[in-house]
Amino acid sequence: MRTQSFRGRPAGAAGATESAHPAIREDGTVRGVTAWAEALSGLYGPVNASADQGFRATVRSRELGLVRVSAVDCPAAEVRGTAGPCGTRAARYHLVLVTGGEAVLEQAGRTVRVGACGPVLLDTDRPFRLHLTRPRNTVVTAHLPWTERDGLGGSVARELPGREQLAVLVAEFLAGLARDATPYGPVGELRMGAVVTELVRALLDHRPGDGEGPATPVLLRRIQLYILDHLDDRRLTPDQVAAAHHISTRYLHRLFQGQELTVAAWIKAQRLERCRRDLADPALRHLPVHTIGARWGFAQPADFSRAFRAAYGVTPTGLRAGALPAHKQCAPRQRQLSAVPADSTS
């Protein structure tokens, strides 16, 4: 059969369901390679598509807050994306799961074969080629509102082993959402989108045997950012941090093994650094020393004073009075913040 190719145009509204897209019929059917490229461009940004004549597929998707999920069933086809941002509301990162058939992704100089529910991360800001190889292929995708700040670049177009069972559960959940026509309302959609985001993060971060493999820089970085965002919460402990990221406390400690400080010590160091900044800020001189300590998680003034003096060689009151030389202010800060991501500021 003769192959047809077509370059799709971005769809106008990225959040529309399949029935609202002109290339997709009410029942989710897409007929012809032209309509196929149009439909995919609404999900992934501008793409070139090629397939045999008589091409027919089904595409269903729905928007859940900032997240979109889609389920595609199609014959053999090829999709190519060009370099650079698409200029539409289409997401940049896409977690692709193949629940039937097979897909081969070429991106960033790598080739990964996706099948048996093995997930792969696609970045549509980079050139890519996705080849759906079987007579029938079923692809479920989570289109994610993440950016470079989320540190996903190293996970693009790579095998993510040891995730088969979790991938099956995530794929079934996403496929069900894509086909579900239940109106959740704005608040419900936001909540469902948050669930999708957490499931995808769990899938990307999951390791068999609860972390028997090497620590993942992406997960460690995300945990550090989480800690920095919750330093004022006195309930912030290693157990709470681990639970918030769906990992065991033991695995959390493993992630920090390559750092200079343990999890608890890292949290304490970041809190002390926030206190040091506030104590040195002239705009905050009206706040009592114990109030500054309390706002960053130190419930007892005596404990705060001892910890601060141990870290900086001067009491909080002494630092505020200017008793600490400048060269002594810098050295502890460099040691304590050595594990902070370079672009993390507060």
C-alpha atoms as a PDB file:
ATOM      1  CA  MET A   1       0.000   0.000   0.000  1.00  0.00           C
ATOM      2  CA  ARG A   2       1.180   3.523  -0.766  1.00  0.00           C
ATOM      3  CA  THR A   3       2.260   5.620   2.216  1.00  0.00           C
ATOM      4  CA  GLN A   4       0.958   9.119   2.773  1.00  0.00           C
ATOM      5  CA  SER A   5       2.633  11.852   4.786  1.00  0.00           C
ATOM      6  CA  PHE A   6       1.273  15.032   6.289  1.00  0.00           C
ATOM      7  CA  ARG A   7       2.517  17.798   8.580  1.00  0.00           C
ATOM      8  CA  GLY A   8      -0.043  18.629  11.232  1.00  0.00           C
ATOM      9  CA  ARG A   9      -1.013  22.034  12.562  1.00  0.00           C
ATOM     10  CA  PRO A  10      -1.336  22.673  16.279  1.00  0.00           C
ATOM     11  CA  ALA A  11      -4.853  22.447  17.595  1.00  0.00           C
ATOM     12  CA  GLY A  12      -6.291  25.650  18.961  1.00  0.00           C
ATOM     13  CA  ALA A  13      -7.402  24.516  22.421  1.00  0.00           C
ATOM     14  CA  ALA A  14      -5.118  22.034  24.089  1.00  0.00           C
ATOM     15  CA  GLY A  15      -7.681  21.222  26.751  1.00  0.00           C
ATOM     16  CA  ALA A  16     -10.510  20.083  24.519  1.00  0.00           C
ATOM     17  CA  THR A  17     -11.812  16.543  24.587  1.00  0.00           C
ATOM     18  CA  GLU A  18     -11.630  14.434  21.467  1.00  0.00           C
ATOM     19  CA  SER A  19     -15.091  15.414  20.255  1.00  0.00           C
ATOM     20  CA  ALA A  20     -14.114  19.105  20.227  1.00  0.00           C
ATOM     21  CA  HIS A  21     -11.167  18.591  17.872  1.00  0.00           C
ATOM     22  CA  PRO A  22     -12.127  18.932  14.196  1.00  0.00           C
ATOM     23  CA  ALA A  23      -9.905  16.013  13.166  1.00  0.00           C
ATOM     24  CA  ILE A  24     -11.543  13.628  15.641  1.00  0.00           C
ATOM     25  CA  ARG A  25     -15.122  12.435  15.335  1.00  0.00           C
ATOM     26  CA  GLU A  26     -17.542  12.157  18.235  1.00  0.00           C
ATOM     27  CA  ASP A  27     -16.747   8.470  18.675  1.00  0.00           C
ATOM     28  CA  GLY A  28     -12.987   9.186  18.758  1.00  0.00           C
ATOM     29  CA  THR A  29     -12.357   7.963  15.205  1.00  0.00           C
ATOM     30  CA  VAL A  30      -9.654   9.530  13.050  1.00  0.00           C
ATOM     31  CA  ARG A  31      -9.676   8.733   9.332  1.00  0.00           C
ATOM     32  CA  GLY A  32      -6.726   9.399   7.051  1.00  0.00           C
ATOM     33  CA  VAL A  33      -3.173  10.510   7.670  1.00  0.00           C
ATOM     34  CA  THR A  34      -4.084  14.196   7.371  1.00  0.00           C
ATOM     35  CA  ALA A  35      -6.565  14.008  10.228  1.00  0.00           C
ATOM     36  CA  TRP A  36      -4.107  11.812  12.124  1.00  0.00           C
ATOM     37  CA  ALA A  37      -1.374  14.444  11.967  1.00  0.00           C
ATOM     38  CA  GLU A  38      -3.873  17.137  12.976  1.00  0.00           C
ATOM     39  CA  ALA A  39      -5.001  15.137  15.998  1.00  0.00           C
ATOM     40  CA  LEU A  40      -1.457  14.359  17.170  1.00  0.00           C
ATOM     41  CA  SER A  41      -0.405  17.988  16.741  1.00  0.00           C
ATOM     42  CA  GLY A  42      -3.048  18.947  19.275  1.00  0.00           C
ATOM     43  CA  LEU A  43      -1.453  16.577  21.781  1.00  0.00           C
ATOM     44  CA  TYR A  44       2.273  16.799  21.056  1.00  0.00           C
ATOM     45  CA  GLY A  45       2.748  20.010  19.095  1.00  0.00           C
ATOM     46  CA  PRO A  46       3.526  20.159  15.333  1.00  0.00           C
ATOM     47  CA  VAL A  47       4.485  16.786  13.882  1.00  0.00           C
ATOM     48  CA  ASN A  48       4.950  15.055  10.555  1.00  0.00           C
ATOM     49  CA  ALA A  49       3.011  11.815  10.252  1.00  0.00           C
ATOM     50  CA  SER A  50       3.076   9.031   7.692  1.00  0.00           C
ATOM     51  CA  ALA A  51       0.986   5.902   7.350  1.00  0.00           C
ATOM     52  CA  ASP A  52      -0.611   3.661   4.738  1.00  0.00           C
ATOM     53  CA  GLN A  53      -3.611   4.774   2.750  1.00  0.00           C
ATOM     54  CA  GLY A  54      -6.898   3.936   4.398  1.00  0.00           C
ATOM     55  CA  PHE A  55      -5.413   4.786   7.788  1.00  0.00           C
ATOM     56  CA  ARG A  56      -7.922   4.706  10.635  1.00  0.00           C
ATOM     57  CA  ALA A  57      -7.328   5.193  14.356  1.00  0.00           C
ATOM     58  CA  THR A  58      -9.096   6.178  17.550  1.00  0.00           C
ATOM     59  CA  VAL A  59      -7.930   9.045  19.752  1.00  0.00           C
ATOM     60  CA  ARG A  60      -9.436   9.957  23.084  1.00  0.00           C
ATOM     61  CA  SER A  61      -8.141  12.552  25.502  1.00  0.00           C
ATOM     62  CA  ARG A  62      -9.233  14.835  28.264  1.00  0.00           C
ATOM     63  CA  GLU A  63      -7.764  17.717  30.209  1.00  0.00           C
ATOM     64  CA  LEU A  64      -7.463  17.522  33.983  1.00  0.00           C
ATOM     65  CA  GLY A  65      -6.274  20.900  35.166  1.00  0.00           C
ATOM     66  CA  LEU A  66      -2.780  21.354  33.743  1.00  0.00           C
ATOM     67  CA  VAL A  67      -2.456  17.673  32.881  1.00  0.00           C
ATOM     68  CA  ARG A  68      -3.849  15.918  29.837  1.00  0.00           C
ATOM     69  CA  VAL A  69      -4.164  12.170  29.276  1.00  0.00           C
ATOM     70  CA  SER A  70      -4.744  10.427  25.961  1.00  0.00           C
ATOM     71  CA  ALA A  71      -5.322   6.929  24.645  1.00  0.00           C
ATOM     72  CA  VAL A  72      -4.595   6.087  21.006  1.00  0.00           C
ATOM     73  CA  ASP A  73      -5.288   2.900  19.096  1.00  0.00           C
ATOM     74  CA  CYS A  74      -3.793   2.799  15.605  1.00  0.00           C
ATOM     75  CA  PRO A  75      -2.133   0.650  12.931  1.00  0.00           C
ATOM     76  CA  ALA A  76       1.525   0.962  11.973  1.00  0.00           C
ATOM     77  CA  ALA A  77       2.580   4.576  11.500  1.00  0.00           C
ATOM     78  CA  GLU A  78       5.458   6.987  11.946  1.00  0.00           C
ATOM     79  CA  VAL A  79       5.486  10.332  13.720  1.00  0.00           C
ATOM     80  CA  ARG A  80       8.315  12.856  13.529  1.00  0.00           C
ATOM     81  CA  GLY A  81       8.738  16.006  15.602  1.00  0.00           C
ATOM     82  CA  THR A  82      10.993  18.929  14.732  1.00  0.00           C
ATOM     83  CA  ALA A  83      13.276  20.847  17.075  1.00  0.00           C
ATOM     84  CA  GLY A  84      12.191  23.808  19.164  1.00  0.00           C
ATOM     85  CA  PRO A  85       9.143  24.822  21.196  1.00  0.00           C
ATOM     86  CA  CYS A  86       5.868  24.276  19.419  1.00  0.00           C
ATOM     87  CA  GLY A  87       4.409  27.679  20.309  1.00  0.00           C
ATOM     88  CA  THR A  88       1.094  26.166  21.419  1.00  0.00           C
ATOM     89  CA  ARG A  89      -0.340  24.992  24.719  1.00  0.00           C
ATOM     90  CA  ALA A  90       0.821  21.454  23.996  1.00  0.00           C
ATOM     91  CA  ALA A  91       3.008  20.064  26.779  1.00  0.00           C
ATOM     92  CA  ARG A  92       6.743  19.518  26.439  1.00  0.00           C
ATOM     93  CA  TYR A  93       7.161  16.246  28.340  1.00  0.00           C
ATOM     94  CA  HIS A  94       5.048  13.172  27.617  1.00  0.00           C
ATOM     95  CA  LEU A  95       5.181   9.845  29.442  1.00  0.00           C
ATOM     96  CA  VAL A  96       4.362   7.238  26.800  1.00  0.00           C
ATOM     97  CA  LEU A  97       3.161   3.750  27.726  1.00  0.00           C
ATOM     98  CA  VAL A  98       2.490   1.078  25.125  1.00  0.00           C
ATOM     99  CA  THR A  99      -0.146  -1.387  26.336  1.00  0.00           C
ATOM    100  CA  GLY A 100      -0.472  -3.168  23.004  1.00  0.00           C
ATOM    101  CA  GLY A 101       1.855  -3.489  20.040  1.00  0.00           C
ATOM    102  CA  GLU A 102       5.238  -1.782  20.027  1.00  0.00           C
ATOM    103  CA  ALA A 103       6.819   1.622  19.550  1.00  0.00           C
ATOM    104  CA  VAL A 104      10.406   2.605  18.790  1.00  0.00           C
ATOM    105  CA  LEU A 105      11.488   6.062  19.915  1.00  0.00           C
ATOM    106  CA  GLU A 106      14.572   7.795  18.526  1.00  0.00           C
ATOM    107  CA  GLN A 107      15.630  10.943  20.357  1.00  0.00           C
ATOM    108  CA  ALA A 108      18.764  12.610  21.748  1.00  0.00           C
ATOM    109  CA  GLY A 109      20.985  10.113  19.945  1.00  0.00           C
ATOM    110  CA  ARG A 110      19.267   7.171  21.608  1.00  0.00           C
ATOM    111  CA  THR A 111      16.882   4.475  20.385  1.00  0.00           C
ATOM    112  CA  VAL A 112      14.551   2.773  22.820  1.00  0.00           C
ATOM    113  CA  ARG A 113      12.046   0.043  22.043  1.00  0.00           C
ATOM    114  CA  VAL A 114       8.831   0.430  24.022  1.00  0.00           C
ATOM    115  CA  GLY A 115       6.581  -2.541  24.639  1.00  0.00           C
ATOM    116  CA  ALA A 116       5.059  -4.711  27.347  1.00  0.00           C
ATOM    117  CA  CYS A 117       3.933  -1.577  29.190  1.00  0.00           C
ATOM    118  CA  GLY A 118       7.460  -0.244  29.538  1.00  0.00           C
ATOM    119  CA  PRO A 119       7.232   3.544  29.868  1.00  0.00           C
ATOM    120  CA  VAL A 120       9.396   6.074  28.047  1.00  0.00           C
ATOM    121  CA  LEU A 121       9.698   9.837  28.405  1.00  0.00           C
ATOM    122  CA  LEU A 122       9.387  11.958  25.257  1.00  0.00           C
ATOM    123  CA  ASP A 123      10.524  15.593  24.981  1.00  0.00           C
ATOM    124  CA  THR A 124       8.795  17.363  22.086  1.00  0.00           C
ATOM    125  CA  ASP A 125      11.120  20.367  22.341  1.00  0.00           C
ATOM    126  CA  ARG A 126      13.745  18.110  20.723  1.00  0.00           C
ATOM    127  CA  PRO A 127      13.608  16.339  17.348  1.00  0.00           C
ATOM    128  CA  PHE A 128      12.209  12.824  17.612  1.00  0.00           C
ATOM    129  CA  ARG A 129      10.974   9.886  15.571  1.00  0.00           C
ATOM    130  CA  LEU A 130       8.312   7.564  16.955  1.00  0.00           C
ATOM    131  CA  HIS A 131       7.642   4.450  14.910  1.00  0.00           C
ATOM    132  CA  LEU A 132       4.574   2.355  15.778  1.00  0.00           C
ATOM    133  CA  THR A 133       5.580  -0.997  14.359  1.00  0.00           C
ATOM    134  CA  ARG A 134       2.717  -3.468  14.793  1.00  0.00           C
ATOM    135  CA  PRO A 135      -0.529  -3.876  12.831  1.00  0.00           C
ATOM    136  CA  ARG A 136      -2.363  -2.591  15.935  1.00  0.00           C
ATOM    137  CA  ASN A 137      -0.803  -0.428  18.622  1.00  0.00           C
ATOM    138  CA  THR A 138      -2.307   0.985  21.799  1.00  0.00           C
ATOM    139  CA  VAL A 139      -0.508   3.971  23.284  1.00  0.00           C
ATOM    140  CA  VAL A 140      -1.453   5.747  26.514  1.00  0.00           C
ATOM    141  CA  THR A 141       0.208   9.083  27.265  1.00  0.00           C
ATOM    142  CA  ALA A 142       0.331  11.518  30.153  1.00  0.00           C
ATOM    143  CA  HIS A 143       1.034  14.994  28.758  1.00  0.00           C
ATOM    144  CA  LEU A 144       2.814  16.773  31.602  1.00  0.00           C
ATOM    145  CA  PRO A 145       3.038  20.460  32.556  1.00  0.00           C
ATOM    146  CA  TRP A 146       6.666  20.113  33.615  1.00  0.00           C
ATOM    147  CA  THR A 147       9.648  22.203  32.572  1.00  0.00           C
ATOM    148  CA  GLU A 148      13.431  21.974  32.562  1.00  0.00           C
ATOM    149  CA  ARG A 149      13.367  22.889  36.270  1.00  0.00           C
ATOM    150  CA  ASP A 150      11.954  19.435  36.989  1.00  0.00           C
ATOM    151  CA  GLY A 151      15.252  17.912  35.847  1.00  0.00           C
ATOM    152  CA  LEU A 152      13.810  15.340  33.457  1.00  0.00           C
ATOM    153  CA  GLY A 153      16.360  15.785  30.662  1.00  0.00           C
ATOM    154  CA  GLY A 154      18.415  12.774  31.699  1.00  0.00           C
ATOM    155  CA  SER A 155      15.366  10.493  31.613  1.00  0.00           C
ATOM    156  CA  VAL A 156      14.337  11.279  28.026  1.00  0.00           C
ATOM    157  CA  ALA A 157      14.359   8.335  25.588  1.00  0.00           C
ATOM    158  CA  ARG A 158      15.822   5.899  28.102  1.00  0.00           C
ATOM    159  CA  GLU A 159      14.671   2.526  29.304  1.00  0.00           C
ATOM    160  CA  LEU A 160      13.077   2.634  32.738  1.00  0.00           C
ATOM    161  CA  PRO A 161      13.546  -0.973  33.915  1.00  0.00           C
ATOM    162  CA  GLY A 162      11.880  -2.655  36.848  1.00  0.00           C
ATOM    163  CA  ARG A 163       8.609  -0.798  36.491  1.00  0.00           C
ATOM    164  CA  GLU A 164       6.399  -3.282  34.646  1.00  0.00           C
ATOM    165  CA  GLN A 165       3.762  -3.871  37.327  1.00  0.00           C
ATOM    166  CA  LEU A 166       3.521  -0.204  38.299  1.00  0.00           C
ATOM    167  CA  ALA A 167       3.430   0.780  34.615  1.00  0.00           C
ATOM    168  CA  VAL A 168       0.472  -1.537  33.999  1.00  0.00           C
ATOM    169  CA  LEU A 169      -1.479   0.069  36.835  1.00  0.00           C
ATOM    170  CA  VAL A 170      -0.645   3.590  35.682  1.00  0.00           C
ATOM    171  CA  ALA A 171      -1.471   2.814  32.051  1.00  0.00           C
ATOM    172  CA  GLU A 172      -4.850   1.313  32.957  1.00  0.00           C
ATOM    173  CA  PHE A 173      -5.669   4.305  35.144  1.00  0.00           C
ATOM    174  CA  LEU A 174      -4.665   6.812  32.457  1.00  0.00           C
ATOM    175  CA  ALA A 175      -6.507   4.934  29.716  1.00  0.00           C
ATOM    176  CA  GLY A 176      -9.629   4.892  31.850  1.00  0.00           C
ATOM    177  CA  LEU A 177      -9.375   8.623  32.437  1.00  0.00           C
ATOM    178  CA  ALA A 178      -8.913   9.325  28.737  1.00  0.00           C
ATOM    179  CA  ARG A 179     -12.056   7.376  27.890  1.00  0.00           C
ATOM    180  CA  ASP A 180     -14.085   8.615  30.856  1.00  0.00           C
ATOM    181  CA  ALA A 181     -16.741  11.194  30.012  1.00  0.00           C
ATOM    182  CA  THR A 182     -17.735  11.905  33.613  1.00  0.00           C
ATOM    183  CA  PRO A 183     -17.868  15.674  34.283  1.00  0.00           C
ATOM    184  CA  TYR A 184     -15.739  16.269  37.373  1.00  0.00           C
ATOM    185  CA  GLY A 185     -16.012  20.050  37.460  1.00  0.00           C
ATOM    186  CA  PRO A 186     -13.027  22.429  37.712  1.00  0.00           C
ATOM    187  CA  VAL A 187     -12.026  21.437  41.240  1.00  0.00           C
ATOM    188  CA  GLY A 188     -12.412  17.738  40.557  1.00  0.00           C
ATOM    189  CA  GLU A 189     -10.359  17.985  37.387  1.00  0.00           C
ATOM    190  CA  LEU A 190      -7.550  19.735  39.236  1.00  0.00           C
ATOM    191  CA  ARG A 191      -7.549  16.990  41.856  1.00  0.00           C
ATOM    192  CA  MET A 192      -7.514  14.239  39.245  1.00  0.00           C
ATOM    193  CA  GLY A 193      -4.681  16.004  37.469  1.00  0.00           C
ATOM    194  CA  ALA A 194      -2.721  16.069  40.712  1.00  0.00           C
ATOM    195  CA  VAL A 195      -3.282  12.314  41.077  1.00  0.00           C
ATOM    196  CA  VAL A 196      -1.954  11.752  37.558  1.00  0.00           C
ATOM    197  CA  THR A 197       1.116  13.860  38.312  1.00  0.00           C
ATOM    198  CA  GLU A 198       1.908  11.919  41.478  1.00  0.00           C
ATOM    199  CA  LEU A 199       1.448   8.570  39.713  1.00  0.00           C
ATOM    200  CA  VAL A 200       3.798   9.592  36.927  1.00  0.00           C
ATOM    201  CA  ARG A 201       6.367  10.825  39.428  1.00  0.00           C
ATOM    202  CA  ALA A 202       6.117   7.540  41.291  1.00  0.00           C
ATOM    203  CA  LEU A 203       6.638   5.698  38.004  1.00  0.00           C
ATOM    204  CA  LEU A 204       9.674   7.775  37.053  1.00  0.00           C
ATOM    205  CA  ASP A 205      11.189   7.486  40.530  1.00  0.00           C
ATOM    206  CA  HIS A 206      10.328   3.852  41.239  1.00  0.00           C
ATOM    207  CA  ARG A 207      13.145   1.359  41.747  1.00  0.00           C
ATOM    208  CA  PRO A 208      12.781  -2.379  42.344  1.00  0.00           C
ATOM    209  CA  GLY A 209      13.716  -3.504  45.833  1.00  0.00           C
ATOM    210  CA  ASP A 210      13.057  -0.037  47.270  1.00  0.00           C
ATOM    211  CA  GLY A 211      16.190   1.648  46.092  1.00  0.00           C
ATOM    212  CA  GLU A 212      18.709  -1.154  45.679  1.00  0.00           C
ATOM    213  CA  GLY A 213      19.962   0.662  42.599  1.00  0.00           C
ATOM    214  CA  PRO A 214      21.936   3.931  42.589  1.00  0.00           C
ATOM    215  CA  ALA A 215      20.301   7.148  43.799  1.00  0.00           C
ATOM    216  CA  THR A 216      18.435   9.160  41.172  1.00  0.00           C
ATOM    217  CA  PRO A 217      19.582  12.788  40.859  1.00  0.00           C
ATOM    218  CA  VAL A 218      16.103  13.825  39.685  1.00  0.00           C
ATOM    219  CA  LEU A 219      14.400  12.414  42.773  1.00  0.00           C
ATOM    220  CA  LEU A 220      17.052  13.785  45.144  1.00  0.00           C
ATOM    221  CA  ARG A 221      16.720  17.219  43.595  1.00  0.00           C
ATOM    222  CA  ARG A 222      12.940  17.106  43.854  1.00  0.00           C
ATOM    223  CA  ILE A 223      13.164  16.094  47.523  1.00  0.00           C
ATOM    224  CA  GLN A 224      15.577  18.911  48.281  1.00  0.00           C
ATOM    225  CA  LEU A 225      13.247  21.423  46.627  1.00  0.00           C
ATOM    226  CA  TYR A 226      10.354  20.006  48.642  1.00  0.00           C
ATOM    227  CA  ILE A 227      12.311  20.412  51.878  1.00  0.00           C
ATOM    228  CA  LEU A 228      13.204  23.999  51.013  1.00  0.00           C
ATOM    229  CA  ASP A 229       9.526  24.748  50.404  1.00  0.00           C
ATOM    230  CA  HIS A 230       8.479  23.272  53.796  1.00  0.00           C
ATOM    231  CA  LEU A 231      11.200  24.454  56.157  1.00  0.00           C
ATOM    232  CA  ASP A 232       8.670  26.443  58.185  1.00  0.00           C
ATOM    233  CA  ASP A 233       6.683  23.282  58.971  1.00  0.00           C
ATOM    234  CA  ARG A 234       7.748  21.903  62.357  1.00  0.00           C
ATOM    235  CA  ARG A 235       6.359  18.521  61.351  1.00  0.00           C
ATOM    236  CA  LEU A 236       8.979  18.229  58.599  1.00  0.00           C
ATOM    237  CA  THR A 237      10.945  15.068  59.379  1.00  0.00           C
ATOM    238  CA  PRO A 238      12.642  12.374  57.268  1.00  0.00           C
ATOM    239  CA  ASP A 239       9.570  10.163  57.721  1.00  0.00           C
ATOM    240  CA  GLN A 240       7.246  12.924  56.514  1.00  0.00           C
ATOM    241  CA  VAL A 241       9.475  13.742  53.528  1.00  0.00           C
ATOM    242  CA  ALA A 242       9.640  10.078  52.532  1.00  0.00           C
ATOM    243  CA  ALA A 243       5.870   9.668  52.786  1.00  0.00           C
ATOM    244  CA  ALA A 244       5.298  12.763  50.649  1.00  0.00           C
ATOM    245  CA  HIS A 245       7.392  11.193  47.874  1.00  0.00           C
ATOM    246  CA  HIS A 246       5.971   7.667  48.164  1.00  0.00           C
ATOM    247  CA  ILE A 247       9.272   6.091  49.169  1.00  0.00           C
ATOM    248  CA  SER A 248      10.503   4.462  52.364  1.00  0.00           C
ATOM    249  CA  THR A 249      12.557   6.368  54.913  1.00  0.00           C
ATOM    250  CA  ARG A 250      15.349   3.857  54.338  1.00  0.00           C
ATOM    251  CA  TYR A 251      15.455   4.736  50.645  1.00  0.00           C
ATOM    252  CA  LEU A 252      15.408   8.444  51.502  1.00  0.00           C
ATOM    253  CA  HIS A 253      18.524   7.967  53.627  1.00  0.00           C
ATOM    254  CA  ARG A 254      20.122   6.065  50.738  1.00  0.00           C
ATOM    255  CA  LEU A 255      19.519   9.035  48.440  1.00  0.00           C
ATOM    256  CA  PHE A 256      21.399  11.292  50.848  1.00  0.00           C
ATOM    257  CA  GLN A 257      24.360   8.945  51.311  1.00  0.00           C
ATOM    258  CA  GLY A 258      26.367  10.812  48.690  1.00  0.00           C
ATOM    259  CA  GLN A 259      25.749  14.164  50.352  1.00  0.00           C
ATOM    260  CA  GLU A 260      27.822  15.744  53.117  1.00  0.00           C
ATOM    261  CA  LEU A 261      24.895  15.720  55.564  1.00  0.00           C
ATOM    262  CA  THR A 262      22.198  13.246  56.595  1.00  0.00           C
ATOM    263  CA  VAL A 263      18.562  14.051  55.839  1.00  0.00           C
ATOM    264  CA  ALA A 264      17.861  15.437  59.316  1.00  0.00           C
ATOM    265  CA  ALA A 265      21.113  17.392  59.375  1.00  0.00           C
ATOM    266  CA  TRP A 266      20.403  18.811  55.904  1.00  0.00           C
ATOM    267  CA  ILE A 267      16.963  20.008  57.030  1.00  0.00           C
ATOM    268  CA  LYS A 268      18.485  21.571  60.141  1.00  0.00           C
ATOM    269  CA  ALA A 269      21.231  23.270  58.114  1.00  0.00           C
ATOM    270  CA  GLN A 270      18.729  24.818  55.708  1.00  0.00           C
ATOM    271  CA  ARG A 271      16.622  26.094  58.610  1.00  0.00           C
ATOM    272  CA  LEU A 272      19.654  27.641  60.286  1.00  0.00           C
ATOM    273  CA  GLU A 273      20.641  29.309  57.028  1.00  0.00           C
ATOM    274  CA  ARG A 274      17.171  30.849  56.697  1.00  0.00           C
ATOM    275  CA  CYS A 275      17.497  32.109  60.280  1.00  0.00           C
ATOM    276  CA  ARG A 276      20.921  33.572  59.538  1.00  0.00           C
ATOM    277  CA  ARG A 277      19.546  35.446  56.522  1.00  0.00           C
ATOM    278  CA  ASP A 278      16.619  36.826  58.510  1.00  0.00           C
ATOM    279  CA  LEU A 279      18.820  37.886  61.425  1.00  0.00           C
ATOM    280  CA  ALA A 280      21.089  39.760  59.020  1.00  0.00           C
ATOM    281  CA  ASP A 281      18.160  41.459  57.264  1.00  0.00           C
ATOM    282  CA  PRO A 282      17.676  45.056  58.525  1.00  0.00           C
ATOM    283  CA  ALA A 283      14.029  44.924  57.487  1.00  0.00           C
ATOM    284  CA  LEU A 284      13.409  42.164  60.050  1.00  0.00           C
ATOM    285  CA  ARG A 285      15.155  43.720  63.050  1.00  0.00           C
ATOM    286  CA  HIS A 286      11.766  44.330  64.678  1.00  0.00           C
ATOM    287  CA  LEU A 287      11.252  40.568  65.021  1.00  0.00           C
ATOM    288  CA  PRO A 288      12.541  38.989  68.252  1.00  0.00           C
ATOM    289  CA  VAL A 289      15.262  36.387  67.825  1.00  0.00           C
ATOM    290  CA  HIS A 290      13.055  33.589  69.160  1.00  0.00           C
ATOM    291  CA  THR A 291      10.337  34.516  66.640  1.00  0.00           C
ATOM    292  CA  ILE A 292      12.761  34.095  63.753  1.00  0.00           C
ATOM    293  CA  GLY A 293      13.811  30.728  65.114  1.00  0.00           C
ATOM    294  CA  ALA A 294      10.201  29.635  65.516  1.00  0.00           C
ATOM    295  CA  ARG A 295       9.228  30.697  61.993  1.00  0.00           C
ATOM    296  CA  TRP A 296      11.853  28.268  60.615  1.00  0.00           C
ATOM    297  CA  GLY A 297      10.913  25.289  62.737  1.00  0.00           C
ATOM    298  CA  PHE A 298      12.824  25.760  66.017  1.00  0.00           C
ATOM    299  CA  ALA A 299      10.151  25.450  68.710  1.00  0.00           C
ATOM    300  CA  GLN A 300      12.439  26.009  71.707  1.00  0.00           C
ATOM    301  CA  PRO A 301      14.556  29.206  71.870  1.00  0.00           C
ATOM    302  CA  ALA A 302      17.312  27.431  73.837  1.00  0.00           C
ATOM    303  CA  ASP A 303      17.578  24.669  71.208  1.00  0.00           C
ATOM    304  CA  PHE A 304      17.704  27.292  68.467  1.00  0.00           C
ATOM    305  CA  SER A 305      20.451  29.256  70.192  1.00  0.00           C
ATOM    306  CA  ARG A 306      22.606  26.163  70.776  1.00  0.00           C
ATOM    307  CA  ALA A 307      22.220  24.900  67.227  1.00  0.00           C
ATOM    308  CA  PHE A 308      22.940  28.330  65.758  1.00  0.00           C
ATOM    309  CA  ARG A 309      26.076  28.797  67.855  1.00  0.00           C
ATOM    310  CA  ALA A 310      27.329  25.314  66.945  1.00  0.00           C
ATOM    311  CA  ALA A 311      26.926  26.122  63.252  1.00  0.00           C
ATOM    312  CA  TYR A 312      28.184  29.714  63.139  1.00  0.00           C
ATOM    313  CA  GLY A 313      30.270  30.169  66.276  1.00  0.00           C
ATOM    314  CA  VAL A 314      28.071  32.950  67.622  1.00  0.00           C
ATOM    315  CA  THR A 315      24.617  33.218  69.155  1.00  0.00           C
ATOM    316  CA  PRO A 316      21.685  34.547  67.095  1.00  0.00           C
ATOM    317  CA  THR A 317      21.731  37.723  69.189  1.00  0.00           C
ATOM    318  CA  GLY A 318      25.465  38.091  68.636  1.00  0.00           C
ATOM    319  CA  LEU A 319      25.130  37.760  64.874  1.00  0.00           C
ATOM    320  CA  ARG A 320      22.378  40.369  64.789  1.00  0.00           C
ATOM    321  CA  ALA A 321      24.662  42.695  66.761  1.00  0.00           C
ATOM    322  CA  GLY A 322      27.410  42.217  64.191  1.00  0.00           C
ATOM    323  CA  ALA A 323      29.681  40.053  66.320  1.00  0.00           C
ATOM    324  CA  LEU A 324      30.410  37.541  63.549  1.00  0.00           C
ATOM    325  CA  PRO A 325      33.186  38.522  61.101  1.00  0.00           C
ATOM    326  CA  ALA A 326      32.273  38.306  57.410  1.00  0.00           C
ATOM    327  CA  HIS A 327      34.719  35.495  56.663  1.00  0.00           C
ATOM    328  CA  LYS A 328      33.083  33.346  59.331  1.00  0.00           C
ATOM    329  CA  GLN A 329      29.630  34.015  57.910  1.00  0.00           C
ATOM    330  CA  CYS A 330      30.565  32.520  54.557  1.00  0.00           C
ATOM    331  CA  ALA A 331      32.378  29.327  55.497  1.00  0.00           C
ATOM    332  CA  PRO A 332      29.516  27.549  57.328  1.00  0.00           C
ATOM    333  CA  ARG A 333      27.066  28.575  54.625  1.00  0.00           C
ATOM    334  CA  GLN A 334      29.152  26.951  51.892  1.00  0.00           C
ATOM    335  CA  ARG A 335      29.452  23.744  53.880  1.00  0.00           C
ATOM    336  CA  GLN A 336      25.806  23.525  54.831  1.00  0.00           C
ATOM    337  CA  LEU A 337      24.392  24.372  51.415  1.00  0.00           C
ATOM    338  CA  SER A 338      26.679  22.147  49.370  1.00  0.00           C
ATOM    339  CA  ALA A 339      23.771  19.857  48.476  1.00  0.00           C
ATOM    340  CA  VAL A 340      21.316  22.571  47.473  1.00  0.00           C
ATOM    341  CA  PRO A 341      20.424  22.500  43.734  1.00  0.00           C
ATOM    342  CA  ALA A 342      22.155  25.337  41.910  1.00  0.00           C
ATOM    343  CA  ASP A 343      18.954  26.997  40.736  1.00  0.00           C
ATOM    344  CA  SER A 344      17.104  26.691  44.051  1.00  0.00           C
ATOM    345  CA  THR A 345      16.677  30.025  45.746  1.00  0.00           C
ATOM    346  CA  SER A 346      14.276  31.358  48.289  1.00  0.00           C
END
